[in-house]
Structures are given as C-alpha cells and as structure tokens.
N, C-alpha and C. Protein backbone atom coordinates (compact mmCIF):
# COMPACT_ATOMS: atom_id res chain seq x y z
N MET A 1 -70.15 33.00 -2.41
CA MET A 1 -69.84 32.08 -3.48
C MET A 1 -68.35 31.83 -3.46
N ASP A 2 -68.02 30.67 -3.90
CA ASP A 2 -66.63 30.23 -3.83
C ASP A 2 -66.24 29.66 -5.18
N ASP A 3 -65.07 30.05 -5.69
CA ASP A 3 -64.64 29.52 -6.99
C ASP A 3 -63.61 28.40 -6.85
N ARG A 4 -63.45 27.86 -5.62
CA ARG A 4 -62.56 26.71 -5.44
C ARG A 4 -63.26 25.45 -5.93
N PRO A 5 -62.49 24.41 -6.26
CA PRO A 5 -63.12 23.14 -6.64
C PRO A 5 -63.91 22.55 -5.46
N CYS A 6 -64.98 21.86 -5.77
CA CYS A 6 -65.80 21.21 -4.75
C CYS A 6 -65.04 20.06 -4.10
N ALA A 7 -65.39 19.78 -2.86
CA ALA A 7 -64.79 18.64 -2.16
C ALA A 7 -65.22 17.33 -2.81
N THR A 8 -66.36 17.32 -3.49
CA THR A 8 -66.88 16.09 -4.10
C THR A 8 -66.36 15.87 -5.52
N GLY A 9 -65.50 16.76 -5.99
CA GLY A 9 -64.90 16.55 -7.30
C GLY A 9 -65.63 17.19 -8.46
N CYS A 10 -66.42 18.24 -8.22
CA CYS A 10 -67.08 18.90 -9.34
C CYS A 10 -66.04 19.66 -10.17
N PRO A 11 -66.36 20.02 -11.39
CA PRO A 11 -65.39 20.69 -12.24
C PRO A 11 -64.83 21.95 -11.58
N GLU A 12 -63.56 22.23 -11.85
CA GLU A 12 -62.88 23.35 -11.21
C GLU A 12 -63.51 24.70 -11.55
N ASP A 13 -64.12 24.81 -12.72
CA ASP A 13 -64.70 26.10 -13.10
C ASP A 13 -66.12 26.28 -12.57
N GLU A 14 -66.65 25.31 -11.85
CA GLU A 14 -68.00 25.40 -11.29
C GLU A 14 -67.94 26.14 -9.96
N LEU A 15 -68.86 27.07 -9.76
CA LEU A 15 -68.93 27.81 -8.50
C LEU A 15 -69.74 27.03 -7.48
N THR A 16 -69.38 27.16 -6.23
CA THR A 16 -70.12 26.52 -5.15
C THR A 16 -70.58 27.58 -4.17
N VAL A 17 -71.66 27.29 -3.48
CA VAL A 17 -72.20 28.16 -2.46
C VAL A 17 -72.28 27.36 -1.17
N SER A 18 -71.82 27.95 -0.09
CA SER A 18 -71.97 27.25 1.19
C SER A 18 -72.70 28.16 2.16
N TYR A 19 -73.53 27.53 2.98
CA TYR A 19 -74.32 28.26 3.96
C TYR A 19 -74.45 27.37 5.19
N PRO A 20 -74.18 27.90 6.37
CA PRO A 20 -74.25 27.09 7.59
C PRO A 20 -75.66 26.58 7.84
N GLY A 21 -75.74 25.34 8.26
CA GLY A 21 -77.03 24.75 8.59
C GLY A 21 -76.86 23.28 8.91
N ILE A 22 -77.99 22.61 9.01
CA ILE A 22 -78.00 21.18 9.34
C ILE A 22 -78.89 20.47 8.33
N LEU A 23 -78.41 19.35 7.81
CA LEU A 23 -79.19 18.52 6.90
C LEU A 23 -79.72 17.34 7.69
N ILE A 24 -81.04 17.18 7.73
CA ILE A 24 -81.66 16.04 8.40
C ILE A 24 -82.07 15.06 7.31
N SER A 25 -81.52 13.85 7.37
CA SER A 25 -81.79 12.81 6.38
C SER A 25 -82.60 11.70 7.03
N SER A 26 -83.67 11.27 6.35
CA SER A 26 -84.51 10.18 6.84
C SER A 26 -84.32 8.96 5.96
N TYR A 27 -84.05 7.83 6.57
CA TYR A 27 -83.83 6.57 5.86
C TYR A 27 -84.87 5.55 6.26
N ASP A 28 -85.29 4.73 5.31
CA ASP A 28 -86.21 3.62 5.56
C ASP A 28 -85.57 2.38 4.97
N ASN A 29 -85.24 1.42 5.82
CA ASN A 29 -84.56 0.20 5.40
C ASN A 29 -83.28 0.50 4.61
N GLY A 30 -82.53 1.49 5.08
CA GLY A 30 -81.27 1.84 4.45
C GLY A 30 -81.38 2.72 3.22
N GLU A 31 -82.59 3.06 2.80
CA GLU A 31 -82.80 3.88 1.61
C GLU A 31 -83.19 5.29 2.01
N LEU A 32 -82.53 6.29 1.43
CA LEU A 32 -82.84 7.68 1.70
C LEU A 32 -84.23 8.00 1.18
N VAL A 33 -85.12 8.49 2.05
CA VAL A 33 -86.48 8.81 1.63
C VAL A 33 -86.81 10.29 1.72
N GLU A 34 -86.03 11.03 2.49
CA GLU A 34 -86.30 12.46 2.62
C GLU A 34 -85.08 13.18 3.19
N GLU A 35 -84.89 14.40 2.74
CA GLU A 35 -83.86 15.27 3.31
C GLU A 35 -84.48 16.64 3.56
N ARG A 36 -84.14 17.21 4.71
CA ARG A 36 -84.60 18.56 5.06
C ARG A 36 -83.39 19.39 5.46
N TRP A 37 -83.26 20.55 4.85
CA TRP A 37 -82.16 21.46 5.16
C TRP A 37 -82.69 22.53 6.11
N ILE A 38 -82.01 22.68 7.23
CA ILE A 38 -82.38 23.71 8.20
C ILE A 38 -81.26 24.76 8.20
N PRO A 39 -81.48 25.90 7.52
CA PRO A 39 -80.45 26.94 7.51
C PRO A 39 -80.36 27.61 8.87
N LEU A 40 -79.15 27.85 9.32
CA LEU A 40 -78.97 28.48 10.63
C LEU A 40 -78.25 29.81 10.57
N GLY A 41 -77.62 30.13 9.48
CA GLY A 41 -76.90 31.39 9.39
C GLY A 41 -75.63 31.35 10.23
N ALA A 42 -74.85 32.39 10.12
CA ALA A 42 -73.58 32.45 10.85
C ALA A 42 -73.80 32.63 12.35
N GLU A 43 -74.85 33.34 12.72
CA GLU A 43 -75.18 33.54 14.13
C GLU A 43 -76.66 33.20 14.32
N PRO A 44 -76.99 31.95 14.64
CA PRO A 44 -78.38 31.52 14.75
C PRO A 44 -79.16 32.35 15.78
N SER A 45 -80.39 32.65 15.42
CA SER A 45 -81.28 33.38 16.32
C SER A 45 -82.10 32.39 17.15
N GLU A 46 -82.86 32.89 18.08
CA GLU A 46 -83.75 32.03 18.86
C GLU A 46 -84.79 31.39 17.94
N GLU A 47 -85.23 32.13 16.93
CA GLU A 47 -86.18 31.58 15.95
C GLU A 47 -85.54 30.42 15.19
N ASP A 48 -84.26 30.54 14.81
CA ASP A 48 -83.55 29.45 14.15
C ASP A 48 -83.49 28.23 15.06
N ASP A 49 -83.19 28.46 16.34
CA ASP A 49 -83.13 27.36 17.30
C ASP A 49 -84.46 26.64 17.40
N GLU A 50 -85.55 27.40 17.47
CA GLU A 50 -86.88 26.80 17.58
C GLU A 50 -87.23 26.00 16.33
N ALA A 51 -86.87 26.50 15.14
CA ALA A 51 -87.12 25.77 13.90
C ALA A 51 -86.35 24.45 13.90
N LEU A 52 -85.11 24.48 14.35
CA LEU A 52 -84.29 23.27 14.41
C LEU A 52 -84.89 22.27 15.39
N ILE A 53 -85.29 22.73 16.56
CA ILE A 53 -85.89 21.85 17.56
C ILE A 53 -87.15 21.19 17.00
N ASP A 54 -88.00 21.96 16.31
CA ASP A 54 -89.22 21.39 15.71
C ASP A 54 -88.89 20.32 14.69
N GLN A 55 -87.89 20.57 13.83
CA GLN A 55 -87.52 19.60 12.81
C GLN A 55 -86.91 18.34 13.43
N LEU A 56 -86.09 18.51 14.46
CA LEU A 56 -85.52 17.34 15.14
C LEU A 56 -86.60 16.52 15.82
N ARG A 57 -87.58 17.19 16.42
CA ARG A 57 -88.70 16.49 17.06
C ARG A 57 -89.46 15.67 16.02
N GLU A 58 -89.76 16.30 14.86
CA GLU A 58 -90.46 15.58 13.80
C GLU A 58 -89.65 14.38 13.32
N ALA A 59 -88.34 14.54 13.18
CA ALA A 59 -87.48 13.44 12.73
C ALA A 59 -87.49 12.29 13.74
N LEU A 60 -87.46 12.62 15.02
CA LEU A 60 -87.50 11.57 16.04
C LEU A 60 -88.82 10.82 16.04
N TRP A 61 -89.94 11.54 15.92
CA TRP A 61 -91.24 10.87 15.85
C TRP A 61 -91.32 9.99 14.60
N TRP A 62 -90.79 10.49 13.47
CA TRP A 62 -90.79 9.70 12.24
C TRP A 62 -89.98 8.42 12.44
N GLN A 63 -88.83 8.56 13.10
CA GLN A 63 -87.96 7.41 13.34
C GLN A 63 -88.67 6.36 14.20
N LEU A 64 -89.50 6.82 15.13
CA LEU A 64 -90.24 5.91 15.99
C LEU A 64 -91.47 5.31 15.31
N GLY A 65 -91.75 5.78 14.08
CA GLY A 65 -92.90 5.25 13.35
C GLY A 65 -94.20 5.88 13.77
N ASP A 66 -94.16 7.06 14.32
CA ASP A 66 -95.35 7.74 14.79
C ASP A 66 -95.39 9.12 14.14
N SER A 67 -96.56 9.67 14.00
CA SER A 67 -96.63 11.04 13.49
C SER A 67 -97.29 11.89 14.57
N GLN A 68 -96.66 12.96 14.90
CA GLN A 68 -97.15 13.89 15.92
C GLN A 68 -97.26 15.26 15.31
N ASP A 69 -98.34 15.94 15.57
CA ASP A 69 -98.46 17.33 15.13
C ASP A 69 -97.97 18.22 16.24
N SER A 70 -97.21 19.25 15.88
CA SER A 70 -96.62 20.16 16.88
C SER A 70 -97.67 20.93 17.61
C-alpha cells in the first residue's frame, strides 16, 4: 500500500495499491466493452505466463470477431 497521491489526482489522504500485471481492454467501435486484469506478481511463474498467453489468445480471437475455445 502506498500513501502517496495517485497519479490520476485522487485525494492525498487516499491510499493506493499497486500490483504488477497487464490490463487487457476490449473496444467495440471505440467504446470500452470489457477489461481483464492479469496479475503477474513481481516474478511471474510459468503458470502466470500460460494464463497471460491464454488471455491474449482470447483477446486476439475476439478482435477478429471469432470465438475460440481453448
């Protein structure tokens, strides 16, 4: 936890939490329709890598307008 002010301008007395990871955002006609957070931790494991690869694969299929089951 961090007691510094947020980069986005939240009140100075508000606490923030940061955790390494990747945010995958899906847009349709310029509008945000879904966000998925993939936590990776400070030292990603092979399991973390596989979870990220699966999510990126799903995002690419979604972008192509197709749905694929893993």
